[in-house]
Amino acid sequence: GDMLAQILEETRYGNKTNGSTRDGGGKLQNFETGSKVVNGSAAYQMVECGKATLYPPHVHTIDLFRTGMMASWAAGFHAPCFILLYRFYDRVFRTNNLTTVTARVILTLFYSVPINYAFFVYGSWVYYTRYWAIHRDETYDWREMWSKAKRKLDAEFYTTMFNSAIYWVPANFANFGLVPSYLRPLALMFFAIFWNCYLSLAQHR
C-alpha cells in the first residue's frame, strides 16, 4: 500500500515526501512533513492508487524506511487486530443475514476509531524517534513528540474517519455478506492494501 502511495505521489508531483522533505537527489533536508499529495475523497484516492498499481510509472526512488514503517504497522498491528475481531464475530454471530452483517459493519467502524487514532500517534513517534536518533543533539522529548502527534491528529484524524466510513462500510458489507468466513481475512488484506495507500498519503503530507 505504501509503495502505491509513493508511486502516486511521484506520478502527480514528481517528488514525494516521506516524513522528511527531500531535494531532487533524495537527500534528507528536514524532519517536518508537509508537501502536497493527492487530496479529495477517499474513493478518488483509492481509484488513483488502483491506477498506480495497473499502470506503474518509472519511480526513481522508493523510501524503504517509510515502506518499512507502513509494513510494520500493517503486519504488526492492523491485520492482527482485525483478524482477532473477525474471529470474535465468527463465535458471536452464528448466522449470516442482513442483521448480523449490518451489526458487523457498524461494530467494525467503531472498532477502527482507536486504531486510526493510534496510527497517527505511531507515525509521529516513528519519525520523531528517527529524527532524534540521527541528530542526538538533545534528550528525547516525549512532550515534543506528543505535540507533533496532536498536530497530525488535528489535521488528519476526522477526515480519515470520514473517509474510513466511505471506504470500509461498502467493503465490509461485501466482505461479510458475500465472502465465506474462511476467506474473509484474505479479502481484508486485499482491501487493506488500498486503505494503507490512503493512510500513507495522509501521514506523509
N, C-alpha and C. Protein backbone atom coordinates (compact mmCIF):
# COMPACT_ATOMS: atom_id res chain seq x y z
N GLY A 1 0.81 -1.21 0.00
CA GLY A 1 0.00 0.00 0.00
C GLY A 1 0.84 1.26 0.00
N ASP A 2 1.89 1.28 0.81
CA ASP A 2 2.75 2.47 0.86
C ASP A 2 3.47 2.69 -0.46
N MET A 3 3.93 1.61 -1.10
CA MET A 3 4.61 1.79 -2.39
C MET A 3 3.65 2.37 -3.43
N LEU A 4 2.38 1.99 -3.37
CA LEU A 4 1.40 2.61 -4.25
C LEU A 4 1.31 4.10 -3.97
N ALA A 5 1.33 4.47 -2.70
CA ALA A 5 1.26 5.88 -2.33
C ALA A 5 2.47 6.64 -2.87
N GLN A 6 3.65 6.04 -2.74
CA GLN A 6 4.86 6.71 -3.23
C GLN A 6 4.83 6.85 -4.75
N ILE A 7 4.36 5.80 -5.43
CA ILE A 7 4.22 5.89 -6.89
C ILE A 7 3.25 7.00 -7.26
N LEU A 8 2.14 7.07 -6.54
CA LEU A 8 1.13 8.08 -6.81
C LEU A 8 1.68 9.48 -6.58
N GLU A 9 2.42 9.67 -5.50
CA GLU A 9 3.00 10.98 -5.22
C GLU A 9 3.97 11.39 -6.31
N GLU A 10 4.84 10.46 -6.71
CA GLU A 10 5.83 10.80 -7.73
C GLU A 10 5.17 11.04 -9.07
N THR A 11 4.11 10.27 -9.37
CA THR A 11 3.39 10.46 -10.63
C THR A 11 2.77 11.84 -10.70
N ARG A 12 2.18 12.27 -9.59
CA ARG A 12 1.43 13.53 -9.58
C ARG A 12 2.33 14.75 -9.38
N TYR A 13 3.38 14.60 -8.57
CA TYR A 13 4.15 15.77 -8.17
C TYR A 13 5.64 15.67 -8.43
N GLY A 14 6.09 14.53 -8.90
CA GLY A 14 7.48 14.39 -9.29
C GLY A 14 8.43 14.20 -8.14
N ASN A 15 8.03 14.59 -6.93
CA ASN A 15 8.90 14.45 -5.77
C ASN A 15 8.03 14.22 -4.56
N LYS A 16 8.29 13.16 -3.82
CA LYS A 16 7.42 12.79 -2.73
C LYS A 16 8.06 13.10 -1.39
N THR A 17 7.22 13.11 -0.37
CA THR A 17 7.75 13.24 0.99
C THR A 17 7.70 11.89 1.67
N ASN A 18 8.42 11.78 2.75
CA ASN A 18 8.47 10.50 3.45
C ASN A 18 8.57 10.73 4.95
N GLY A 19 7.98 11.83 5.40
CA GLY A 19 8.17 12.20 6.79
C GLY A 19 9.30 13.18 6.91
N SER A 20 10.00 13.41 5.80
CA SER A 20 11.03 14.44 5.73
C SER A 20 11.07 14.94 4.30
N THR A 21 11.38 16.20 4.13
CA THR A 21 11.41 16.78 2.80
C THR A 21 12.71 16.40 2.12
N ARG A 22 12.63 16.01 0.86
CA ARG A 22 13.82 15.61 0.13
C ARG A 22 14.01 16.52 -1.06
N ASP A 23 15.26 16.76 -1.41
CA ASP A 23 15.54 17.52 -2.61
C ASP A 23 15.52 16.56 -3.80
N GLY A 24 15.85 17.07 -4.98
CA GLY A 24 15.78 16.24 -6.18
C GLY A 24 16.69 15.04 -6.13
N GLY A 25 17.76 15.12 -5.36
CA GLY A 25 18.68 13.99 -5.27
C GLY A 25 18.30 13.00 -4.21
N GLY A 26 17.21 13.28 -3.48
CA GLY A 26 16.77 12.34 -2.46
C GLY A 26 17.43 12.55 -1.12
N LYS A 27 18.16 13.66 -0.93
CA LYS A 27 18.84 13.88 0.34
C LYS A 27 17.87 14.42 1.38
N LEU A 28 18.07 13.99 2.61
CA LEU A 28 17.22 14.42 3.70
C LEU A 28 17.48 15.88 3.99
N GLN A 29 16.41 16.72 3.96
CA GLN A 29 16.57 18.13 4.25
C GLN A 29 16.00 18.52 5.60
N ASN A 30 14.84 17.94 5.96
CA ASN A 30 14.17 18.39 7.17
C ASN A 30 13.30 17.27 7.70
N PHE A 31 13.10 17.25 9.02
CA PHE A 31 12.25 16.25 9.63
C PHE A 31 10.78 16.47 9.32
N GLU A 32 10.38 17.73 9.17
CA GLU A 32 8.96 18.04 9.07
C GLU A 32 8.36 17.52 7.78
N THR A 33 7.11 17.08 7.87
CA THR A 33 6.36 16.71 6.68
C THR A 33 5.68 17.95 6.13
N GLY A 34 5.07 17.80 4.94
CA GLY A 34 4.27 18.92 4.50
C GLY A 34 4.21 19.17 3.02
N SER A 35 4.61 18.28 2.14
CA SER A 35 4.44 18.55 0.73
C SER A 35 3.04 18.15 0.30
N LYS A 36 2.65 18.58 -0.89
CA LYS A 36 1.34 18.26 -1.40
C LYS A 36 1.28 16.81 -1.87
N VAL A 37 0.17 16.18 -1.58
CA VAL A 37 -0.12 14.89 -2.18
C VAL A 37 -1.54 14.95 -2.69
N VAL A 38 -2.03 13.84 -3.21
CA VAL A 38 -3.36 13.85 -3.78
C VAL A 38 -4.39 14.07 -2.69
N ASN A 39 -5.25 15.07 -2.89
CA ASN A 39 -6.33 15.35 -1.96
C ASN A 39 -7.64 14.86 -2.58
N GLY A 40 -8.74 15.10 -1.87
CA GLY A 40 -10.04 14.72 -2.40
C GLY A 40 -10.64 13.57 -1.63
N SER A 41 -11.68 13.00 -2.19
CA SER A 41 -12.43 11.98 -1.49
C SER A 41 -11.62 10.70 -1.37
N ALA A 42 -12.07 9.86 -0.42
CA ALA A 42 -11.41 8.56 -0.26
C ALA A 42 -11.55 7.74 -1.53
N ALA A 43 -12.74 7.78 -2.13
CA ALA A 43 -12.95 6.99 -3.35
C ALA A 43 -12.01 7.41 -4.45
N TYR A 44 -11.81 8.73 -4.60
CA TYR A 44 -10.89 9.23 -5.64
C TYR A 44 -9.48 8.73 -5.37
N GLN A 45 -9.05 8.81 -4.13
CA GLN A 45 -7.69 8.40 -3.80
C GLN A 45 -7.52 6.89 -4.00
N MET A 46 -8.55 6.11 -3.68
CA MET A 46 -8.45 4.66 -3.90
C MET A 46 -8.35 4.34 -5.39
N VAL A 47 -9.11 5.07 -6.22
CA VAL A 47 -9.04 4.86 -7.67
C VAL A 47 -7.65 5.21 -8.18
N GLU A 48 -7.09 6.31 -7.68
CA GLU A 48 -5.75 6.71 -8.09
C GLU A 48 -4.72 5.66 -7.68
N CYS A 49 -4.87 5.09 -6.48
CA CYS A 49 -3.96 4.03 -6.04
C CYS A 49 -4.09 2.81 -6.95
N GLY A 50 -5.32 2.51 -7.35
CA GLY A 50 -5.53 1.39 -8.27
C GLY A 50 -4.87 1.62 -9.61
N LYS A 51 -4.97 2.84 -10.11
CA LYS A 51 -4.32 3.17 -11.39
C LYS A 51 -2.81 3.01 -11.28
N ALA A 52 -2.25 3.43 -10.14
CA ALA A 52 -0.81 3.29 -9.95
C ALA A 52 -0.39 1.84 -9.92
N THR A 53 -1.30 0.94 -9.47
CA THR A 53 -1.00 -0.48 -9.47
C THR A 53 -0.99 -1.05 -10.88
N LEU A 54 -2.00 -0.67 -11.66
CA LEU A 54 -2.14 -1.23 -13.00
C LEU A 54 -1.16 -0.63 -14.00
N TYR A 55 -0.86 0.66 -13.83
CA TYR A 55 0.00 1.35 -14.79
C TYR A 55 1.13 2.07 -14.05
N PRO A 56 2.03 1.31 -13.42
CA PRO A 56 3.08 1.96 -12.63
C PRO A 56 4.06 2.71 -13.52
N PRO A 57 4.35 3.98 -13.20
CA PRO A 57 5.35 4.72 -13.94
C PRO A 57 6.75 4.35 -13.47
N HIS A 58 7.74 4.94 -14.10
CA HIS A 58 9.10 4.75 -13.61
C HIS A 58 9.26 5.55 -12.32
N VAL A 59 9.61 4.88 -11.26
CA VAL A 59 9.79 5.55 -9.97
C VAL A 59 11.27 5.61 -9.67
N HIS A 60 11.77 6.81 -9.41
CA HIS A 60 13.20 6.98 -9.24
C HIS A 60 13.68 6.46 -7.89
N THR A 61 12.89 6.67 -6.85
CA THR A 61 13.32 6.25 -5.52
C THR A 61 12.12 5.69 -4.76
N ILE A 62 12.36 4.67 -3.98
CA ILE A 62 11.39 4.18 -3.02
C ILE A 62 12.01 4.34 -1.65
N ASP A 63 11.32 5.06 -0.77
CA ASP A 63 11.82 5.28 0.57
C ASP A 63 11.55 4.02 1.40
N LEU A 64 12.57 3.22 1.60
CA LEU A 64 12.41 1.95 2.29
C LEU A 64 12.09 2.13 3.77
N PHE A 65 12.55 3.22 4.37
CA PHE A 65 12.20 3.47 5.76
C PHE A 65 10.69 3.68 5.89
N ARG A 66 10.15 4.51 5.02
CA ARG A 66 8.71 4.77 5.02
C ARG A 66 7.94 3.48 4.75
N THR A 67 8.38 2.71 3.76
CA THR A 67 7.71 1.45 3.45
C THR A 67 7.78 0.49 4.63
N GLY A 68 8.93 0.44 5.28
CA GLY A 68 9.07 -0.43 6.45
C GLY A 68 8.17 -0.01 7.59
N MET A 69 8.04 1.32 7.78
CA MET A 69 7.14 1.81 8.83
C MET A 69 5.71 1.39 8.57
N MET A 70 5.26 1.54 7.32
CA MET A 70 3.89 1.19 6.98
C MET A 70 3.68 -0.33 7.02
N ALA A 71 4.67 -1.08 6.55
CA ALA A 71 4.55 -2.54 6.58
C ALA A 71 4.51 -3.05 8.02
N SER A 72 5.30 -2.45 8.90
CA SER A 72 5.28 -2.85 10.30
C SER A 72 3.93 -2.59 10.94
N TRP A 73 3.35 -1.44 10.60
CA TRP A 73 2.02 -1.13 11.11
C TRP A 73 0.99 -2.15 10.61
N ALA A 74 1.03 -2.41 9.30
CA ALA A 74 0.03 -3.30 8.71
C ALA A 74 0.15 -4.73 9.24
N ALA A 75 1.39 -5.25 9.27
CA ALA A 75 1.59 -6.64 9.66
C ALA A 75 1.60 -6.84 11.17
N GLY A 76 2.09 -5.82 11.88
CA GLY A 76 2.26 -5.99 13.32
C GLY A 76 1.09 -5.54 14.16
N PHE A 77 0.20 -4.71 13.59
CA PHE A 77 -0.90 -4.17 14.40
C PHE A 77 -2.24 -4.24 13.69
N HIS A 78 -2.33 -3.64 12.50
CA HIS A 78 -3.62 -3.52 11.82
C HIS A 78 -4.22 -4.89 11.50
N ALA A 79 -3.48 -5.71 10.77
CA ALA A 79 -4.02 -7.02 10.37
C ALA A 79 -4.32 -7.91 11.58
N PRO A 80 -3.41 -8.05 12.56
CA PRO A 80 -3.74 -8.90 13.72
C PRO A 80 -4.98 -8.43 14.47
N CYS A 81 -5.14 -7.10 14.63
CA CYS A 81 -6.30 -6.59 15.36
C CYS A 81 -7.60 -6.97 14.66
N PHE A 82 -7.62 -6.84 13.34
CA PHE A 82 -8.86 -7.13 12.63
C PHE A 82 -9.09 -8.63 12.45
N ILE A 83 -8.06 -9.41 12.36
CA ILE A 83 -8.24 -10.86 12.31
C ILE A 83 -8.83 -11.37 13.62
N LEU A 84 -8.37 -10.82 14.75
CA LEU A 84 -8.96 -11.18 16.04
C LEU A 84 -10.43 -10.77 16.09
N LEU A 85 -10.74 -9.60 15.56
CA LEU A 85 -12.13 -9.16 15.53
C LEU A 85 -12.99 -10.08 14.69
N TYR A 86 -12.47 -10.51 13.54
CA TYR A 86 -13.22 -11.41 12.67
C TYR A 86 -13.47 -12.75 13.37
N ARG A 87 -12.51 -13.24 14.11
CA ARG A 87 -12.70 -14.50 14.84
C ARG A 87 -13.76 -14.33 15.92
N PHE A 88 -13.75 -13.16 16.55
CA PHE A 88 -14.79 -12.88 17.55
C PHE A 88 -16.17 -12.89 16.89
N TYR A 89 -16.30 -12.28 15.73
CA TYR A 89 -17.57 -12.29 15.01
C TYR A 89 -18.02 -13.71 14.70
N ASP A 90 -17.09 -14.56 14.29
CA ASP A 90 -17.46 -15.94 13.94
C ASP A 90 -18.02 -16.70 15.13
N ARG A 91 -17.53 -16.35 16.33
CA ARG A 91 -18.05 -17.01 17.54
C ARG A 91 -19.40 -16.44 17.97
N VAL A 92 -19.59 -15.13 17.81
CA VAL A 92 -20.78 -14.46 18.32
C VAL A 92 -21.94 -14.54 17.33
N PHE A 93 -21.66 -14.30 16.06
CA PHE A 93 -22.71 -14.29 15.04
C PHE A 93 -22.71 -15.64 14.32
N ARG A 94 -23.62 -16.50 14.72
CA ARG A 94 -23.66 -17.85 14.18
C ARG A 94 -24.33 -17.91 12.81
N THR A 95 -25.19 -16.95 12.53
CA THR A 95 -25.86 -16.91 11.23
C THR A 95 -25.37 -15.72 10.42
N ASN A 96 -25.61 -15.76 9.14
CA ASN A 96 -25.17 -14.68 8.26
C ASN A 96 -26.38 -14.14 7.50
N ASN A 97 -26.97 -13.08 8.03
CA ASN A 97 -28.11 -12.45 7.40
C ASN A 97 -27.91 -10.94 7.44
N LEU A 98 -28.88 -10.20 6.92
CA LEU A 98 -28.71 -8.74 6.82
C LEU A 98 -28.48 -8.11 8.19
N THR A 99 -29.15 -8.62 9.22
CA THR A 99 -29.00 -8.04 10.56
C THR A 99 -27.59 -8.26 11.10
N THR A 100 -27.09 -9.48 11.01
CA THR A 100 -25.75 -9.75 11.56
C THR A 100 -24.65 -9.09 10.71
N VAL A 101 -24.86 -9.05 9.41
CA VAL A 101 -23.87 -8.37 8.56
C VAL A 101 -23.82 -6.89 8.89
N THR A 102 -24.97 -6.25 9.05
CA THR A 102 -25.02 -4.83 9.40
C THR A 102 -24.37 -4.59 10.76
N ALA A 103 -24.62 -5.48 11.72
CA ALA A 103 -24.01 -5.35 13.05
C ALA A 103 -22.50 -5.42 12.95
N ARG A 104 -21.99 -6.35 12.14
CA ARG A 104 -20.53 -6.46 11.99
C ARG A 104 -19.95 -5.19 11.37
N VAL A 105 -20.62 -4.67 10.38
CA VAL A 105 -20.12 -3.47 9.69
C VAL A 105 -20.07 -2.29 10.65
N ILE A 106 -21.13 -2.09 11.42
CA ILE A 106 -21.18 -0.96 12.35
C ILE A 106 -20.15 -1.12 13.46
N LEU A 107 -20.06 -2.32 14.03
CA LEU A 107 -19.09 -2.56 15.09
C LEU A 107 -17.66 -2.38 14.58
N THR A 108 -17.41 -2.82 13.36
CA THR A 108 -16.07 -2.67 12.79
C THR A 108 -15.72 -1.20 12.61
N LEU A 109 -16.69 -0.39 12.22
CA LEU A 109 -16.43 1.04 12.06
C LEU A 109 -16.04 1.67 13.39
N PHE A 110 -16.77 1.34 14.45
CA PHE A 110 -16.42 1.88 15.77
C PHE A 110 -15.08 1.33 16.25
N TYR A 111 -14.81 0.08 15.96
CA TYR A 111 -13.55 -0.55 16.34
C TYR A 111 -12.36 0.14 15.68
N SER A 112 -12.59 0.70 14.49
CA SER A 112 -11.49 1.34 13.74
C SER A 112 -11.11 2.69 14.30
N VAL A 113 -11.97 3.31 15.12
CA VAL A 113 -11.68 4.66 15.62
C VAL A 113 -10.38 4.69 16.42
N PRO A 114 -10.23 3.90 17.49
CA PRO A 114 -8.95 3.94 18.22
C PRO A 114 -7.77 3.45 17.40
N ILE A 115 -8.02 2.55 16.43
CA ILE A 115 -6.92 2.05 15.61
C ILE A 115 -6.39 3.16 14.70
N ASN A 116 -7.28 3.92 14.07
CA ASN A 116 -6.83 5.04 13.23
C ASN A 116 -6.15 6.12 14.07
N TYR A 117 -6.67 6.34 15.27
CA TYR A 117 -6.03 7.30 16.18
C TYR A 117 -4.60 6.84 16.51
N ALA A 118 -4.48 5.55 16.82
CA ALA A 118 -3.16 5.01 17.16
C ALA A 118 -2.21 5.09 15.99
N PHE A 119 -2.72 4.98 14.77
CA PHE A 119 -1.84 5.03 13.60
C PHE A 119 -1.10 6.35 13.51
N PHE A 120 -1.79 7.46 13.70
CA PHE A 120 -1.13 8.77 13.58
C PHE A 120 -0.17 9.02 14.74
N VAL A 121 -0.50 8.51 15.92
CA VAL A 121 0.44 8.59 17.03
C VAL A 121 1.69 7.77 16.72
N TYR A 122 1.48 6.58 16.20
CA TYR A 122 2.59 5.70 15.82
C TYR A 122 3.48 6.37 14.76
N GLY A 123 2.88 6.93 13.71
CA GLY A 123 3.66 7.57 12.66
C GLY A 123 4.47 8.74 13.19
N SER A 124 3.86 9.56 14.05
CA SER A 124 4.57 10.70 14.62
C SER A 124 5.72 10.23 15.51
N TRP A 125 5.48 9.18 16.28
CA TRP A 125 6.53 8.65 17.14
C TRP A 125 7.69 8.11 16.32
N VAL A 126 7.40 7.36 15.26
CA VAL A 126 8.46 6.78 14.44
C VAL A 126 9.34 7.86 13.84
N TYR A 127 8.73 8.90 13.25
CA TYR A 127 9.54 9.93 12.59
C TYR A 127 10.25 10.83 13.58
N TYR A 128 9.63 11.11 14.72
CA TYR A 128 10.35 11.90 15.72
C TYR A 128 11.54 11.11 16.26
N THR A 129 11.33 9.82 16.51
CA THR A 129 12.42 8.98 17.02
C THR A 129 13.55 8.89 16.01
N ARG A 130 13.21 8.78 14.73
CA ARG A 130 14.24 8.73 13.69
C ARG A 130 15.03 10.04 13.67
N TYR A 131 14.32 11.16 13.73
CA TYR A 131 14.98 12.46 13.73
C TYR A 131 15.92 12.58 14.94
N TRP A 132 15.42 12.17 16.11
CA TRP A 132 16.23 12.25 17.32
C TRP A 132 17.45 11.34 17.22
N ALA A 133 17.29 10.14 16.68
CA ALA A 133 18.40 9.20 16.58
C ALA A 133 19.48 9.71 15.63
N ILE A 134 19.08 10.44 14.59
CA ILE A 134 20.07 10.97 13.64
C ILE A 134 20.83 12.14 14.24
N HIS A 135 20.12 13.03 14.93
CA HIS A 135 20.75 14.27 15.40
C HIS A 135 21.36 14.14 16.80
N ARG A 136 20.65 13.50 17.70
CA ARG A 136 21.15 13.28 19.07
C ARG A 136 21.70 14.57 19.70
N ASP A 137 21.05 15.68 19.39
CA ASP A 137 21.53 16.95 19.93
C ASP A 137 20.88 17.31 21.25
N GLU A 138 19.95 16.49 21.71
CA GLU A 138 19.27 16.73 22.97
C GLU A 138 18.64 15.44 23.45
N THR A 139 18.15 15.46 24.69
CA THR A 139 17.49 14.28 25.22
C THR A 139 16.14 14.08 24.52
N TYR A 140 15.68 12.86 24.56
CA TYR A 140 14.40 12.55 23.92
C TYR A 140 13.28 13.28 24.64
N ASP A 141 12.50 14.04 23.89
CA ASP A 141 11.45 14.87 24.47
C ASP A 141 10.09 14.28 24.12
N TRP A 142 9.50 13.56 25.07
CA TRP A 142 8.20 12.95 24.83
C TRP A 142 7.12 13.98 24.62
N ARG A 143 7.24 15.14 25.29
CA ARG A 143 6.22 16.18 25.12
C ARG A 143 6.25 16.76 23.72
N GLU A 144 7.44 16.92 23.16
CA GLU A 144 7.53 17.42 21.79
C GLU A 144 6.97 16.38 20.81
N MET A 145 7.28 15.11 21.04
CA MET A 145 6.75 14.07 20.18
C MET A 145 5.22 14.07 20.22
N TRP A 146 4.66 14.15 21.43
CA TRP A 146 3.21 14.15 21.57
C TRP A 146 2.60 15.40 20.94
N SER A 147 3.30 16.52 21.03
CA SER A 147 2.82 17.75 20.40
C SER A 147 2.72 17.58 18.88
N LYS A 148 3.72 16.92 18.30
CA LYS A 148 3.68 16.66 16.85
C LYS A 148 2.54 15.69 16.52
N ALA A 149 2.34 14.69 17.37
CA ALA A 149 1.25 13.74 17.14
C ALA A 149 -0.10 14.44 17.21
N LYS A 150 -0.27 15.35 18.15
CA LYS A 150 -1.53 16.06 18.28
C LYS A 150 -1.79 16.94 17.07
N ARG A 151 -0.75 17.58 16.54
CA ARG A 151 -0.92 18.40 15.34
C ARG A 151 -1.33 17.53 14.16
N LYS A 152 -0.74 16.37 14.04
CA LYS A 152 -1.11 15.46 12.95
C LYS A 152 -2.55 14.97 13.13
N LEU A 153 -2.92 14.64 14.36
CA LEU A 153 -4.29 14.20 14.62
C LEU A 153 -5.29 15.31 14.31
N ASP A 154 -4.97 16.53 14.71
CA ASP A 154 -5.88 17.65 14.43
C ASP A 154 -6.05 17.85 12.92
N ALA A 155 -4.99 17.61 12.17
CA ALA A 155 -5.04 17.84 10.73
C ALA A 155 -5.72 16.71 9.97
N GLU A 156 -5.58 15.47 10.46
CA GLU A 156 -5.97 14.33 9.63
C GLU A 156 -7.02 13.39 10.22
N PHE A 157 -7.18 13.36 11.53
CA PHE A 157 -7.95 12.28 12.13
C PHE A 157 -9.41 12.27 11.69
N TYR A 158 -10.09 13.40 11.78
CA TYR A 158 -11.53 13.43 11.47
C TYR A 158 -11.77 13.17 9.99
N THR A 159 -10.91 13.71 9.14
CA THR A 159 -11.03 13.42 7.71
C THR A 159 -10.81 11.94 7.44
N THR A 160 -9.84 11.37 8.13
CA THR A 160 -9.55 9.94 7.96
C THR A 160 -10.73 9.08 8.39
N MET A 161 -11.37 9.43 9.50
CA MET A 161 -12.52 8.65 9.95
C MET A 161 -13.69 8.77 8.97
N PHE A 162 -13.90 9.96 8.42
CA PHE A 162 -14.95 10.13 7.43
C PHE A 162 -14.66 9.28 6.20
N ASN A 163 -13.43 9.35 5.72
CA ASN A 163 -13.05 8.55 4.55
C ASN A 163 -13.04 7.06 4.86
N SER A 164 -12.74 6.72 6.10
CA SER A 164 -12.78 5.32 6.52
C SER A 164 -14.20 4.76 6.38
N ALA A 165 -15.18 5.56 6.79
CA ALA A 165 -16.57 5.12 6.66
C ALA A 165 -16.96 4.97 5.19
N ILE A 166 -16.53 5.92 4.36
CA ILE A 166 -16.87 5.86 2.94
C ILE A 166 -16.28 4.62 2.30
N TYR A 167 -15.06 4.28 2.69
CA TYR A 167 -14.38 3.14 2.06
C TYR A 167 -14.78 1.81 2.67
N TRP A 168 -14.71 1.73 4.02
CA TRP A 168 -14.83 0.43 4.66
C TRP A 168 -16.27 -0.06 4.82
N VAL A 169 -17.26 0.84 4.90
CA VAL A 169 -18.63 0.36 5.04
C VAL A 169 -19.04 -0.50 3.85
N PRO A 170 -18.93 -0.03 2.59
CA PRO A 170 -19.26 -0.93 1.47
C PRO A 170 -18.32 -2.12 1.35
N ALA A 171 -17.01 -1.90 1.65
CA ALA A 171 -16.06 -3.01 1.57
C ALA A 171 -16.42 -4.11 2.56
N ASN A 172 -16.81 -3.72 3.78
CA ASN A 172 -17.16 -4.70 4.78
C ASN A 172 -18.52 -5.35 4.52
N PHE A 173 -19.45 -4.59 3.95
CA PHE A 173 -20.71 -5.23 3.55
C PHE A 173 -20.43 -6.33 2.53
N ALA A 174 -19.56 -6.05 1.58
CA ALA A 174 -19.21 -7.07 0.58
C ALA A 174 -18.48 -8.24 1.23
N ASN A 175 -17.55 -7.93 2.13
CA ASN A 175 -16.75 -8.98 2.75
C ASN A 175 -17.61 -9.89 3.64
N PHE A 176 -18.40 -9.27 4.53
CA PHE A 176 -19.20 -10.06 5.46
C PHE A 176 -20.42 -10.70 4.78
N GLY A 177 -20.92 -10.06 3.73
CA GLY A 177 -22.14 -10.56 3.12
C GLY A 177 -21.91 -11.56 1.99
N LEU A 178 -20.78 -11.48 1.31
CA LEU A 178 -20.58 -12.29 0.11
C LEU A 178 -19.43 -13.28 0.21
N VAL A 179 -18.47 -13.01 1.07
CA VAL A 179 -17.26 -13.83 1.12
C VAL A 179 -17.39 -14.89 2.22
N PRO A 180 -17.05 -16.14 1.95
CA PRO A 180 -17.07 -17.17 3.00
C PRO A 180 -16.16 -16.78 4.17
N SER A 181 -16.51 -17.20 5.36
CA SER A 181 -15.79 -16.76 6.55
C SER A 181 -14.30 -17.09 6.51
N TYR A 182 -13.96 -18.25 5.93
CA TYR A 182 -12.55 -18.65 5.91
C TYR A 182 -11.71 -17.82 4.93
N LEU A 183 -12.37 -17.09 4.02
CA LEU A 183 -11.66 -16.24 3.07
C LEU A 183 -11.69 -14.76 3.45
N ARG A 184 -12.42 -14.42 4.49
CA ARG A 184 -12.56 -13.00 4.86
C ARG A 184 -11.23 -12.35 5.25
N PRO A 185 -10.34 -13.04 5.98
CA PRO A 185 -9.05 -12.39 6.25
C PRO A 185 -8.28 -12.03 4.98
N LEU A 186 -8.37 -12.89 3.94
CA LEU A 186 -7.71 -12.58 2.67
C LEU A 186 -8.36 -11.37 2.00
N ALA A 187 -9.69 -11.33 2.04
CA ALA A 187 -10.38 -10.17 1.48
C ALA A 187 -10.02 -8.90 2.25
N LEU A 188 -9.91 -9.02 3.57
CA LEU A 188 -9.50 -7.88 4.39
C LEU A 188 -8.13 -7.38 3.95
N MET A 189 -7.19 -8.29 3.72
CA MET A 189 -5.84 -7.88 3.31
C MET A 189 -5.85 -7.20 1.95
N PHE A 190 -6.72 -7.67 1.05
CA PHE A 190 -6.83 -7.03 -0.26
C PHE A 190 -7.34 -5.61 -0.12
N PHE A 191 -8.44 -5.41 0.62
CA PHE A 191 -8.97 -4.06 0.81
C PHE A 191 -7.98 -3.18 1.57
N ALA A 192 -7.23 -3.79 2.49
CA ALA A 192 -6.30 -3.02 3.31
C ALA A 192 -5.14 -2.46 2.50
N ILE A 193 -4.79 -3.08 1.38
CA ILE A 193 -3.72 -2.54 0.54
C ILE A 193 -4.04 -1.11 0.13
N PHE A 194 -5.27 -0.89 -0.33
CA PHE A 194 -5.66 0.43 -0.80
C PHE A 194 -5.89 1.39 0.36
N TRP A 195 -6.36 0.85 1.49
CA TRP A 195 -6.52 1.72 2.66
C TRP A 195 -5.15 2.15 3.20
N ASN A 196 -4.18 1.26 3.19
CA ASN A 196 -2.84 1.64 3.63
C ASN A 196 -2.22 2.66 2.69
N CYS A 197 -2.57 2.58 1.42
CA CYS A 197 -2.15 3.62 0.47
C CYS A 197 -2.68 4.97 0.92
N TYR A 198 -3.96 5.01 1.27
CA TYR A 198 -4.55 6.27 1.75
C TYR A 198 -3.87 6.73 3.04
N LEU A 199 -3.68 5.82 4.00
CA LEU A 199 -3.06 6.20 5.28
C LEU A 199 -1.65 6.75 5.06
N SER A 200 -0.93 6.14 4.13
CA SER A 200 0.42 6.62 3.85
C SER A 200 0.39 8.05 3.30
N LEU A 201 -0.56 8.31 2.40
CA LEU A 201 -0.71 9.66 1.88
C LEU A 201 -1.05 10.63 3.01
N ALA A 202 -1.96 10.23 3.89
CA ALA A 202 -2.39 11.11 4.97
C ALA A 202 -1.27 11.37 5.96
N GLN A 203 -0.49 10.35 6.29
CA GLN A 203 0.59 10.51 7.27
C GLN A 203 1.72 11.37 6.74
N HIS A 204 1.96 11.33 5.42
CA HIS A 204 3.16 11.95 4.88
C HIS A 204 2.90 13.24 4.11
N ARG A 205 1.75 13.85 4.35
CA ARG A 205 1.53 15.16 3.73
C ARG A 205 1.61 16.24 4.78
